[in-house]
C-alpha atoms as a PDB file:
ATOM      1  CA  MET A   1      10.719  -2.071   2.034  1.00  0.00           C
ATOM      2  CA  ILE A   2      10.691  -4.352  -1.126  1.00  0.00           C
ATOM      3  CA  ILE A   3      10.472  -8.090  -1.356  1.00  0.00           C
ATOM      4  CA  ASP A   4      10.677  -9.626  -4.900  1.00  0.00           C
ATOM      5  CA  GLN A   5      12.418 -12.129  -7.119  1.00  0.00           C
ATOM      6  CA  LEU A   6      15.891 -11.138  -8.430  1.00  0.00           C
ATOM      7  CA  GLU A   7      14.526 -11.802 -11.948  1.00  0.00           C
ATOM      8  CA  ASN A   8      12.367  -8.730 -11.313  1.00  0.00           C
ATOM      9  CA  CYS A   9      15.096  -6.380 -10.188  1.00  0.00           C
ATOM     10  CA  GLU A  10      15.087  -4.265 -13.358  1.00  0.00           C
ATOM     11  CA  ARG A  11      11.822  -2.754 -12.112  1.00  0.00           C
ATOM     12  CA  TYR A  12      13.770  -1.140  -9.335  1.00  0.00           C
ATOM     13  CA  PHE A  13      16.561   0.373 -11.311  1.00  0.00           C
ATOM     14  CA  ALA A  14      14.566   3.721 -11.123  1.00  0.00           C
ATOM     15  CA  LEU A  15      15.601   3.936  -7.420  1.00  0.00           C
ATOM     16  CA  GLY A  16      18.848   5.309  -8.514  1.00  0.00           C
ATOM     17  CA  GLU A  17      22.131   4.547 -10.269  1.00  0.00           C
ATOM     18  CA  ARG A  18      23.656   2.944  -7.324  1.00  0.00           C
ATOM     19  CA  PHE A  19      20.748   0.528  -6.869  1.00  0.00           C
ATOM     20  CA  LYS A  20      20.962  -0.271 -10.566  1.00  0.00           C
ATOM     21  CA  LYS A  21      24.671  -1.082 -10.198  1.00  0.00           C
ATOM     22  CA  GLY A  22      24.021  -3.169  -7.130  1.00  0.00           C
ATOM     23  CA  PHE A  23      21.315  -5.184  -8.887  1.00  0.00           C
ATOM     24  CA  GLU A  24      23.352  -5.686 -11.905  1.00  0.00           C
ATOM     25  CA  HIS A  25      26.117  -7.006  -9.740  1.00  0.00           C
ATOM     26  CA  LEU A  26      23.718  -9.477  -8.166  1.00  0.00           C
ATOM     27  CA  LEU A  27      22.523 -10.599 -11.690  1.00  0.00           C
ATOM     28  CA  SER A  28      26.040 -10.950 -13.198  1.00  0.00           C
ATOM     29  CA  THR A  29      27.993 -12.666 -10.361  1.00  0.00           C
ATOM     30  CA  ASP A  30      28.190 -16.335  -9.610  1.00  0.00           C
ATOM     31  CA  PHE A  31      28.028 -16.170  -5.955  1.00  0.00           C
ATOM     32  CA  GLY A  32      28.714 -19.983  -5.670  1.00  0.00           C
ATOM     33  CA  GLN A  33      32.290 -19.126  -6.488  1.00  0.00           C
ATOM     34  CA  ILE A  34      32.639 -16.034  -4.183  1.00  0.00           C
ATOM     35  CA  PRO A  35      33.880 -16.721  -0.608  1.00  0.00           C
ATOM     36  CA  PRO A  36      32.312 -14.945   2.362  1.00  0.00           C
ATOM     37  CA  GLY A  37      33.819 -11.615   2.908  1.00  0.00           C
ATOM     38  CA  LYS A  38      33.321  -7.795   2.408  1.00  0.00           C
ATOM     39  CA  TYR A  39      33.878  -6.265  -1.066  1.00  0.00           C
ATOM     40  CA  GLU A  40      33.753  -2.691  -2.335  1.00  0.00           C
ATOM     41  CA  LEU A  41      32.157  -1.953  -5.680  1.00  0.00           C
ATOM     42  CA  GLU A  42      32.308   1.880  -5.423  1.00  0.00           C
ATOM     43  CA  GLY A  43      34.123   2.766  -2.263  1.00  0.00           C
ATOM     44  CA  ASP A  44      31.768   3.742   0.533  1.00  0.00           C
ATOM     45  CA  GLN A  45      28.964   4.316  -1.898  1.00  0.00           C
ATOM     46  CA  LEU A  46      28.272   0.588  -2.867  1.00  0.00           C
ATOM     47  CA  LYS A  47      29.597  -2.270  -0.729  1.00  0.00           C
ATOM     48  CA  VAL A  48      28.902  -5.958  -0.703  1.00  0.00           C
ATOM     49  CA  ALA A  49      28.970  -8.471   2.052  1.00  0.00           C
ATOM     50  CA  VAL A  50      28.850 -12.250   1.153  1.00  0.00           C
ATOM     51  CA  GLN A  51      27.685 -14.204   4.111  1.00  0.00           C
ATOM     52  CA  GLU A  52      27.309 -17.984   4.950  1.00  0.00           C
ATOM     53  CA  TYR A  53      25.541 -18.973   8.160  1.00  0.00           C
ATOM     54  CA  VAL A  54      22.908 -21.296   9.623  1.00  0.00           C
ATOM     55  CA  SER A  55      19.609 -19.586  10.291  1.00  0.00           C
ATOM     56  CA  LYS A  56      18.866 -18.997  13.957  1.00  0.00           C
ATOM     57  CA  GLU A  57      16.350 -18.445  16.732  1.00  0.00           C
ATOM     58  CA  GLU A  58      14.885 -15.005  17.326  1.00  0.00           C
ATOM     59  CA  ALA A  59      16.532 -14.967  20.787  1.00  0.00           C
ATOM     60  CA  ASP A  60      19.912 -15.030  19.082  1.00  0.00           C
ATOM     61  CA  SER A  61      19.064 -11.995  16.669  1.00  0.00           C
ATOM     62  CA  LYS A  62      18.589  -8.307  16.784  1.00  0.00           C
ATOM     63  CA  ILE A  63      16.239  -5.996  15.127  1.00  0.00           C
ATOM     64  CA  GLU A  64      18.026  -3.314  13.257  1.00  0.00           C
ATOM     65  CA  ALA A  65      17.802  -0.216  11.132  1.00  0.00           C
ATOM     66  CA  HIS A  66      20.115   1.934   9.176  1.00  0.00           C
ATOM     67  CA  GLN A  67      20.280   5.579   8.461  1.00  0.00           C
ATOM     68  CA  ARG A  68      22.945   6.223   5.817  1.00  0.00           C
ATOM     69  CA  TYR A  69      22.606   3.076   3.805  1.00  0.00           C
ATOM     70  CA  ALA A  70      19.782   0.905   2.336  1.00  0.00           C
ATOM     71  CA  ASP A  71      20.259  -2.872   2.278  1.00  0.00           C
ATOM     72  CA  ILE A  72      19.607  -5.096  -0.681  1.00  0.00           C
ATOM     73  CA  GLN A  73      19.571  -8.582   0.930  1.00  0.00           C
ATOM     74  CA  PHE A  74      19.697 -11.301  -1.640  1.00  0.00           C
ATOM     75  CA  ILE A  75      19.307 -14.977  -0.669  1.00  0.00           C
ATOM     76  CA  TYR A  76      21.628 -16.923  -3.000  1.00  0.00           C
ATOM     77  CA  ALA A  77      21.013 -20.346  -1.288  1.00  0.00           C
ATOM     78  CA  GLY A  78      18.864 -21.606   1.548  1.00  0.00           C
ATOM     79  CA  GLU A  79      15.977 -19.730   3.085  1.00  0.00           C
ATOM     80  CA  GLU A  80      15.164 -17.617   6.230  1.00  0.00           C
ATOM     81  CA  LEU A  81      12.368 -15.772   7.836  1.00  0.00           C
ATOM     82  CA  MET A  82      12.882 -12.015   8.415  1.00  0.00           C
ATOM     83  CA  GLY A  83      11.224  -9.999  11.089  1.00  0.00           C
ATOM     84  CA  ILE A  84      10.135  -6.675   9.599  1.00  0.00           C
ATOM     85  CA  ASP A  85       8.161  -3.507  10.374  1.00  0.00           C
ATOM     86  CA  THR A  86       8.128   0.157   9.551  1.00  0.00           C
ATOM     87  CA  LEU A  87       9.818   2.588  11.969  1.00  0.00           C
ATOM     88  CA  ARG A  88       7.162   4.675  13.576  1.00  0.00           C
ATOM     89  CA  ASP A  89       7.379   5.406  17.373  1.00  0.00           C
ATOM     90  CA  GLN A  90       9.504   2.487  18.420  1.00  0.00           C
ATOM     91  CA  GLN A  91      12.446   3.625  20.609  1.00  0.00           C
ATOM     92  CA  PRO A  92      15.906   2.065  19.999  1.00  0.00           C
ATOM     93  CA  THR A  93      17.148  -0.445  22.672  1.00  0.00           C
ATOM     94  CA  VAL A  94      20.765   0.475  21.566  1.00  0.00           C
ATOM     95  CA  PRO A  95      21.356   4.074  20.261  1.00  0.00           C
ATOM     96  CA  TYR A  96      22.412   4.716  16.784  1.00  0.00           C
ATOM     97  CA  ASN A  97      26.093   3.900  16.111  1.00  0.00           C
ATOM     98  CA  THR A  98      27.244   6.339  13.433  1.00  0.00           C
ATOM     99  CA  GLU A  99      30.385   4.192  12.676  1.00  0.00           C
ATOM    100  CA  LYS A 100      28.489   1.003  12.020  1.00  0.00           C
ATOM    101  CA  ASP A 101      25.367   2.761  10.785  1.00  0.00           C
ATOM    102  CA  VAL A 102      23.022   0.811  12.923  1.00  0.00           C
ATOM    103  CA  SER A 103      20.545   1.089  15.693  1.00  0.00           C
ATOM    104  CA  PHE A 104      18.718  -1.817  17.402  1.00  0.00           C
ATOM    105  CA  PHE A 105      15.118  -2.045  18.458  1.00  0.00           C
ATOM    106  CA  GLY A 106      12.991  -4.318  20.643  1.00  0.00           C
ATOM    107  CA  LYS A 107      10.122  -5.563  18.503  1.00  0.00           C
ATOM    108  CA  TYR A 108       8.601  -6.008  15.158  1.00  0.00           C
ATOM    109  CA  ASP A 109       4.975  -6.964  14.015  1.00  0.00           C
ATOM    110  CA  TYR A 110       5.540  -9.050  10.816  1.00  0.00           C
ATOM    111  CA  LYS A 111       7.502 -12.013   9.353  1.00  0.00           C
ATOM    112  CA  ILE A 112       8.279 -12.827   5.801  1.00  0.00           C
ATOM    113  CA  ARG A 113       9.855 -15.918   4.340  1.00  0.00           C
ATOM    114  CA  VAL A 114      12.701 -15.352   1.838  1.00  0.00           C
ATOM    115  CA  THR A 115      13.993 -18.218  -0.291  1.00  0.00           C
ATOM    116  CA  ALA A 116      16.795 -18.626  -2.756  1.00  0.00           C
ATOM    117  CA  GLY A 117      16.433 -16.260  -5.680  1.00  0.00           C
ATOM    118  CA  MET A 118      14.497 -13.638  -3.625  1.00  0.00           C
ATOM    119  CA  PHE A 119      15.764 -10.178  -2.390  1.00  0.00           C
ATOM    120  CA  THR A 120      14.621  -7.475  -0.004  1.00  0.00           C
ATOM    121  CA  VAL A 121      15.394  -3.906   0.116  1.00  0.00           C
ATOM    122  CA  PHE A 122      15.312  -2.198   3.484  1.00  0.00           C
ATOM    123  CA  PHE A 123      15.342   1.661   3.710  1.00  0.00           C
ATOM    124  CA  PRO A 124      16.029   3.784   6.865  1.00  0.00           C
ATOM    125  CA  GLN A 125      12.252   3.741   7.763  1.00  0.00           C
ATOM    126  CA  ASP A 126      12.258  -0.139   7.792  1.00  0.00           C
ATOM    127  CA  ILE A 127      13.451  -2.270  10.893  1.00  0.00           C
ATOM    128  CA  HIS A 128      14.403  -5.729  10.108  1.00  0.00           C
ATOM    129  CA  MET A 129      15.616  -8.937  11.820  1.00  0.00           C
ATOM    130  CA  PRO A 130      17.087 -11.133   9.218  1.00  0.00           C
ATOM    131  CA  GLY A 131      18.505 -14.581   9.547  1.00  0.00           C
ATOM    132  CA  LEU A 132      15.854 -16.348  11.409  1.00  0.00           C
ATOM    133  CA  ARG A 133      14.907 -20.075  11.016  1.00  0.00           C
ATOM    134  CA  SER A 134      11.813 -20.992   9.108  1.00  0.00           C
ATOM    135  CA  GLY A 135      11.017 -24.373  10.743  1.00  0.00           C
ATOM    136  CA  GLU A 136      14.332 -26.269  10.628  1.00  0.00           C
ATOM    137  CA  ALA A 137      17.576 -24.421  10.510  1.00  0.00           C
ATOM    138  CA  SER A 138      18.811 -23.773   7.032  1.00  0.00           C
ATOM    139  CA  ASN A 139      22.362 -23.160   5.531  1.00  0.00           C
ATOM    140  CA  VAL A 140      22.075 -19.706   4.089  1.00  0.00           C
ATOM    141  CA  LYS A 141      24.260 -17.912   1.553  1.00  0.00           C
ATOM    142  CA  LYS A 142      23.303 -14.380   1.368  1.00  0.00           C
ATOM    143  CA  VAL A 143      24.641 -11.302  -0.378  1.00  0.00           C
ATOM    144  CA  VAL A 144      24.025  -7.901   1.240  1.00  0.00           C
ATOM    145  CA  VAL A 145      24.593  -4.874  -0.979  1.00  0.00           C
ATOM    146  CA  LYS A 146      24.883  -1.599   1.054  1.00  0.00           C
ATOM    147  CA  VAL A 147      23.697   1.264  -1.031  1.00  0.00           C
ATOM    148  CA  LEU A 148      24.494   4.789   0.163  1.00  0.00           C
ATOM    149  CA  LEU A 149      21.571   7.022   0.187  1.00  0.00           C
END
């Protein structure tokens, strides 16, 4: 997994052409003008979800992991905590759903605070619980770029 400021994203272009295009989209788009929704950049290979929500309690969230896609999660506005861990011997609480590319897990060991202008990258070996409150609830606008691996 990666956590960094968007201004540093060029360092991660070497992850591959789809990552580069995803980061370039984040750099070149004014997401203040883009309504929530799902958008395709390159069909199934590169997809974008613009989300707006209020950060929530852990009890209202799920720990997830993906197998086919990496997530670039960019906080455009607001802040949140994310529960994170590496996938080792944890057993899924909900088996892998091929259609939705997700499985759910029961626990994680770490939390990170992600604020406006920051991004995370989660690979298949990373479990994550995004959208958590950091103290008070926050209005969050997040952009998730799904990168086919």
